[in-house]
């Protein structure tokens, strides 16, 4: 059976990491939190694209799934849906 993308990250770190899901990066000292979307996985890391870097085509950032990241909730206080696949 083939493992779904990010399954290792979800199982090992206990985070709801799915492609397309928003995350909030809070790791830059002295700056506001930044919204990003998960675009993929690189081993035990997330590949994200920051919403404020839309003009930089193809730029992706590799982040650890638990370091200075938050996984926001939907408007009803429940975690956002898992990926549909």
N, C-alpha and C. Protein backbone atom coordinates (compact mmCIF):
# COMPACT_ATOMS: atom_id res chain seq x y z
N UNK A 1 0.84 -1.18 0.00
CA UNK A 1 0.00 0.00 0.00
C UNK A 1 0.88 1.24 0.00
N UNK A 2 0.57 2.20 -0.84
CA UNK A 2 1.34 3.43 -0.95
C UNK A 2 0.92 4.41 0.14
N UNK A 3 1.91 5.01 0.78
CA UNK A 3 1.65 6.00 1.82
C UNK A 3 1.23 7.32 1.21
N UNK A 4 0.25 7.98 1.79
CA UNK A 4 -0.21 9.28 1.30
C UNK A 4 0.86 10.33 1.57
N UNK A 5 0.95 11.37 0.73
CA UNK A 5 1.94 12.43 0.97
C UNK A 5 1.77 13.03 2.37
N UNK A 6 2.87 13.12 3.09
CA UNK A 6 2.86 13.72 4.42
C UNK A 6 2.45 12.79 5.54
N UNK A 7 2.18 11.54 5.24
CA UNK A 7 1.72 10.62 6.28
C UNK A 7 2.75 10.48 7.40
N UNK A 8 4.03 10.43 7.04
CA UNK A 8 5.08 10.35 8.06
C UNK A 8 5.03 11.55 9.00
N UNK A 9 4.88 12.73 8.43
CA UNK A 9 4.84 13.97 9.23
C UNK A 9 3.63 13.93 10.17
N UNK A 10 2.48 13.56 9.65
CA UNK A 10 1.28 13.49 10.49
C UNK A 10 1.44 12.47 11.61
N UNK A 11 1.94 11.29 11.28
CA UNK A 11 2.09 10.24 12.28
C UNK A 11 3.18 10.56 13.31
N UNK A 12 4.32 11.03 12.85
CA UNK A 12 5.48 11.24 13.73
C UNK A 12 5.33 12.48 14.61
N UNK A 13 4.80 13.56 14.05
CA UNK A 13 4.72 14.82 14.78
C UNK A 13 3.32 15.13 15.29
N UNK A 14 2.31 14.37 14.87
CA UNK A 14 0.96 14.59 15.36
C UNK A 14 0.34 15.90 14.93
N UNK A 15 0.68 16.34 13.73
CA UNK A 15 0.13 17.59 13.21
C UNK A 15 -0.79 17.31 12.02
N UNK A 16 -1.77 18.17 11.77
CA UNK A 16 -2.70 17.97 10.65
C UNK A 16 -2.15 18.56 9.35
N UNK A 17 -1.03 18.05 8.89
CA UNK A 17 -0.35 18.59 7.72
C UNK A 17 -0.83 17.89 6.44
N UNK A 18 -1.51 18.66 5.59
CA UNK A 18 -2.00 18.16 4.31
C UNK A 18 -1.71 19.21 3.24
N UNK A 19 -1.46 18.77 2.04
CA UNK A 19 -1.23 19.70 0.93
C UNK A 19 -2.46 20.58 0.77
N UNK A 20 -2.20 21.90 0.66
CA UNK A 20 -3.27 22.88 0.51
C UNK A 20 -3.74 23.49 1.81
N UNK A 21 -3.35 22.91 2.92
CA UNK A 21 -3.79 23.41 4.23
C UNK A 21 -3.00 24.65 4.62
N UNK A 22 -3.68 25.65 5.21
CA UNK A 22 -2.96 26.83 5.67
C UNK A 22 -2.21 26.55 6.97
N UNK A 23 -1.09 27.24 7.14
CA UNK A 23 -0.34 27.23 8.39
C UNK A 23 0.06 28.67 8.68
N UNK A 24 0.36 28.94 9.93
CA UNK A 24 0.83 30.27 10.32
C UNK A 24 2.22 30.12 10.89
N UNK A 25 3.18 30.80 10.25
CA UNK A 25 4.57 30.76 10.69
C UNK A 25 4.81 31.95 11.61
N UNK A 26 5.29 31.67 12.83
CA UNK A 26 5.52 32.72 13.82
C UNK A 26 6.99 32.85 14.18
N UNK A 27 7.88 32.31 13.37
CA UNK A 27 9.28 32.19 13.75
C UNK A 27 10.19 33.36 13.51
N UNK A 28 9.77 34.38 12.78
CA UNK A 28 10.66 35.50 12.52
C UNK A 28 10.55 36.50 13.66
N UNK A 29 11.66 36.72 14.34
CA UNK A 29 11.67 37.62 15.49
C UNK A 29 11.38 39.04 15.02
N UNK A 30 10.47 39.70 15.73
CA UNK A 30 10.17 41.10 15.45
C UNK A 30 9.24 41.33 14.28
N UNK A 31 8.67 40.30 13.73
CA UNK A 31 7.74 40.52 12.63
C UNK A 31 6.41 39.84 12.94
N UNK A 32 5.41 40.19 12.17
CA UNK A 32 4.09 39.61 12.35
C UNK A 32 4.07 38.17 11.85
N UNK A 33 3.16 37.36 12.38
CA UNK A 33 3.00 36.00 11.86
C UNK A 33 2.67 36.03 10.37
N UNK A 34 3.09 35.01 9.66
CA UNK A 34 2.89 34.95 8.21
C UNK A 34 2.06 33.72 7.84
N UNK A 35 1.06 33.94 7.00
CA UNK A 35 0.22 32.86 6.53
C UNK A 35 0.87 32.20 5.33
N UNK A 36 0.81 30.87 5.30
CA UNK A 36 1.38 30.11 4.19
C UNK A 36 0.45 28.92 3.93
N UNK A 37 0.69 28.24 2.80
CA UNK A 37 -0.04 27.02 2.48
C UNK A 37 0.97 25.91 2.21
N UNK A 38 0.63 24.72 2.67
CA UNK A 38 1.49 23.57 2.44
C UNK A 38 1.36 23.18 0.97
N UNK A 39 2.51 23.09 0.30
CA UNK A 39 2.51 22.70 -1.11
C UNK A 39 3.12 21.32 -1.33
N UNK A 40 3.77 20.79 -0.30
CA UNK A 40 4.38 19.47 -0.43
C UNK A 40 5.16 19.09 0.81
N UNK A 41 5.91 18.02 0.69
CA UNK A 41 6.69 17.49 1.80
C UNK A 41 8.08 17.11 1.29
N UNK A 42 9.07 17.26 2.17
CA UNK A 42 10.43 16.85 1.89
C UNK A 42 10.90 16.04 3.09
N UNK A 43 10.68 14.75 3.04
CA UNK A 43 11.00 13.91 4.18
C UNK A 43 10.14 14.30 5.37
N UNK A 44 10.77 14.72 6.46
CA UNK A 44 10.05 15.11 7.68
C UNK A 44 9.76 16.60 7.73
N UNK A 45 9.88 17.29 6.62
CA UNK A 45 9.64 18.74 6.58
C UNK A 45 8.48 19.08 5.65
N UNK A 46 7.90 20.25 5.91
CA UNK A 46 6.86 20.79 5.04
C UNK A 46 7.49 21.69 4.00
N UNK A 47 6.92 21.73 2.83
CA UNK A 47 7.27 22.73 1.82
C UNK A 47 6.07 23.67 1.77
N UNK A 48 6.31 24.96 2.01
CA UNK A 48 5.21 25.92 2.04
C UNK A 48 5.48 27.08 1.08
N UNK A 49 4.41 27.76 0.73
CA UNK A 49 4.49 29.00 -0.04
C UNK A 49 3.77 30.05 0.78
N UNK A 50 4.49 31.13 1.09
CA UNK A 50 3.93 32.21 1.88
C UNK A 50 2.97 33.04 1.04
N UNK A 51 1.82 33.38 1.62
CA UNK A 51 0.82 34.15 0.90
C UNK A 51 1.33 35.53 0.49
N UNK A 52 2.23 36.12 1.28
CA UNK A 52 2.74 37.45 0.96
C UNK A 52 3.86 37.43 -0.08
N UNK A 53 4.16 36.28 -0.63
CA UNK A 53 5.20 36.16 -1.67
C UNK A 53 4.60 35.68 -2.98
N UNK A 54 3.36 36.02 -3.25
CA UNK A 54 2.69 35.57 -4.46
C UNK A 54 3.42 36.01 -5.73
N UNK A 55 4.10 37.12 -5.69
CA UNK A 55 4.79 37.61 -6.87
C UNK A 55 6.06 36.86 -7.22
N UNK A 56 6.54 36.05 -6.30
CA UNK A 56 7.77 35.30 -6.53
C UNK A 56 7.41 33.91 -7.03
N UNK A 57 7.29 33.75 -8.30
CA UNK A 57 6.87 32.47 -8.89
C UNK A 57 7.81 31.34 -8.50
N UNK A 58 7.23 30.28 -8.03
CA UNK A 58 8.00 29.08 -7.75
C UNK A 58 8.76 29.07 -6.45
N UNK A 59 8.77 30.18 -5.69
CA UNK A 59 9.53 30.21 -4.44
C UNK A 59 8.81 29.41 -3.36
N UNK A 60 9.50 28.45 -2.80
CA UNK A 60 8.96 27.61 -1.74
C UNK A 60 9.95 27.61 -0.58
N UNK A 61 9.44 27.37 0.62
CA UNK A 61 10.27 27.37 1.82
C UNK A 61 10.07 26.04 2.55
N UNK A 62 11.15 25.49 3.05
CA UNK A 62 11.13 24.22 3.78
C UNK A 62 11.10 24.53 5.27
N UNK A 63 10.08 24.00 5.98
CA UNK A 63 9.93 24.26 7.42
C UNK A 63 9.71 22.96 8.18
N UNK A 64 10.20 22.95 9.42
CA UNK A 64 9.93 21.82 10.30
C UNK A 64 8.46 21.91 10.74
N UNK A 65 7.75 20.78 10.80
CA UNK A 65 6.31 20.83 11.07
C UNK A 65 5.90 21.29 12.47
N UNK A 66 6.83 21.35 13.42
CA UNK A 66 6.46 21.80 14.76
C UNK A 66 7.20 23.05 15.21
N UNK A 67 8.15 23.53 14.42
CA UNK A 67 8.94 24.69 14.85
C UNK A 67 8.25 25.97 14.40
N UNK A 68 7.73 26.72 15.37
CA UNK A 68 7.13 28.03 15.13
C UNK A 68 6.01 28.00 14.09
N UNK A 69 5.25 26.91 14.06
CA UNK A 69 4.11 26.80 13.15
C UNK A 69 2.84 26.55 13.94
N UNK A 70 1.77 27.16 13.48
CA UNK A 70 0.44 26.88 14.02
C UNK A 70 -0.43 26.40 12.87
N UNK A 71 -1.34 25.52 13.20
CA UNK A 71 -2.29 24.98 12.23
C UNK A 71 -3.65 25.55 12.61
N UNK A 72 -4.13 26.56 11.87
CA UNK A 72 -5.35 27.27 12.29
C UNK A 72 -6.60 26.40 12.21
N UNK A 73 -7.62 26.88 12.89
CA UNK A 73 -8.92 26.22 12.92
C UNK A 73 -9.89 26.94 11.99
N UNK A 74 -10.93 26.26 11.63
CA UNK A 74 -11.97 26.83 10.80
C UNK A 74 -12.82 27.77 11.67
N UNK A 75 -13.75 28.47 11.06
CA UNK A 75 -14.56 29.46 11.77
C UNK A 75 -15.41 28.87 12.89
N UNK A 76 -15.69 27.59 12.84
CA UNK A 76 -16.51 26.97 13.88
C UNK A 76 -15.67 26.39 15.02
N UNK A 77 -14.36 26.63 15.00
CA UNK A 77 -13.50 26.16 16.06
C UNK A 77 -13.00 24.75 15.89
N UNK A 78 -13.40 24.09 14.81
CA UNK A 78 -12.94 22.73 14.54
C UNK A 78 -11.76 22.77 13.60
N UNK A 79 -10.86 21.78 13.69
CA UNK A 79 -9.75 21.75 12.74
C UNK A 79 -10.27 21.73 11.31
N UNK A 80 -9.52 22.34 10.42
CA UNK A 80 -9.90 22.33 9.01
C UNK A 80 -9.94 20.91 8.51
N UNK A 81 -10.72 20.67 7.49
CA UNK A 81 -10.88 19.33 6.92
C UNK A 81 -9.55 18.75 6.47
N UNK A 82 -9.42 17.45 6.62
CA UNK A 82 -8.28 16.75 6.05
C UNK A 82 -8.38 16.82 4.54
N UNK A 83 -7.29 16.50 3.87
CA UNK A 83 -7.34 16.55 2.42
C UNK A 83 -8.37 15.53 1.91
N UNK A 84 -8.99 15.81 0.77
CA UNK A 84 -10.08 14.98 0.30
C UNK A 84 -9.67 13.65 -0.30
N UNK A 85 -8.37 13.42 -0.51
CA UNK A 85 -7.97 12.17 -1.17
C UNK A 85 -8.00 11.00 -0.22
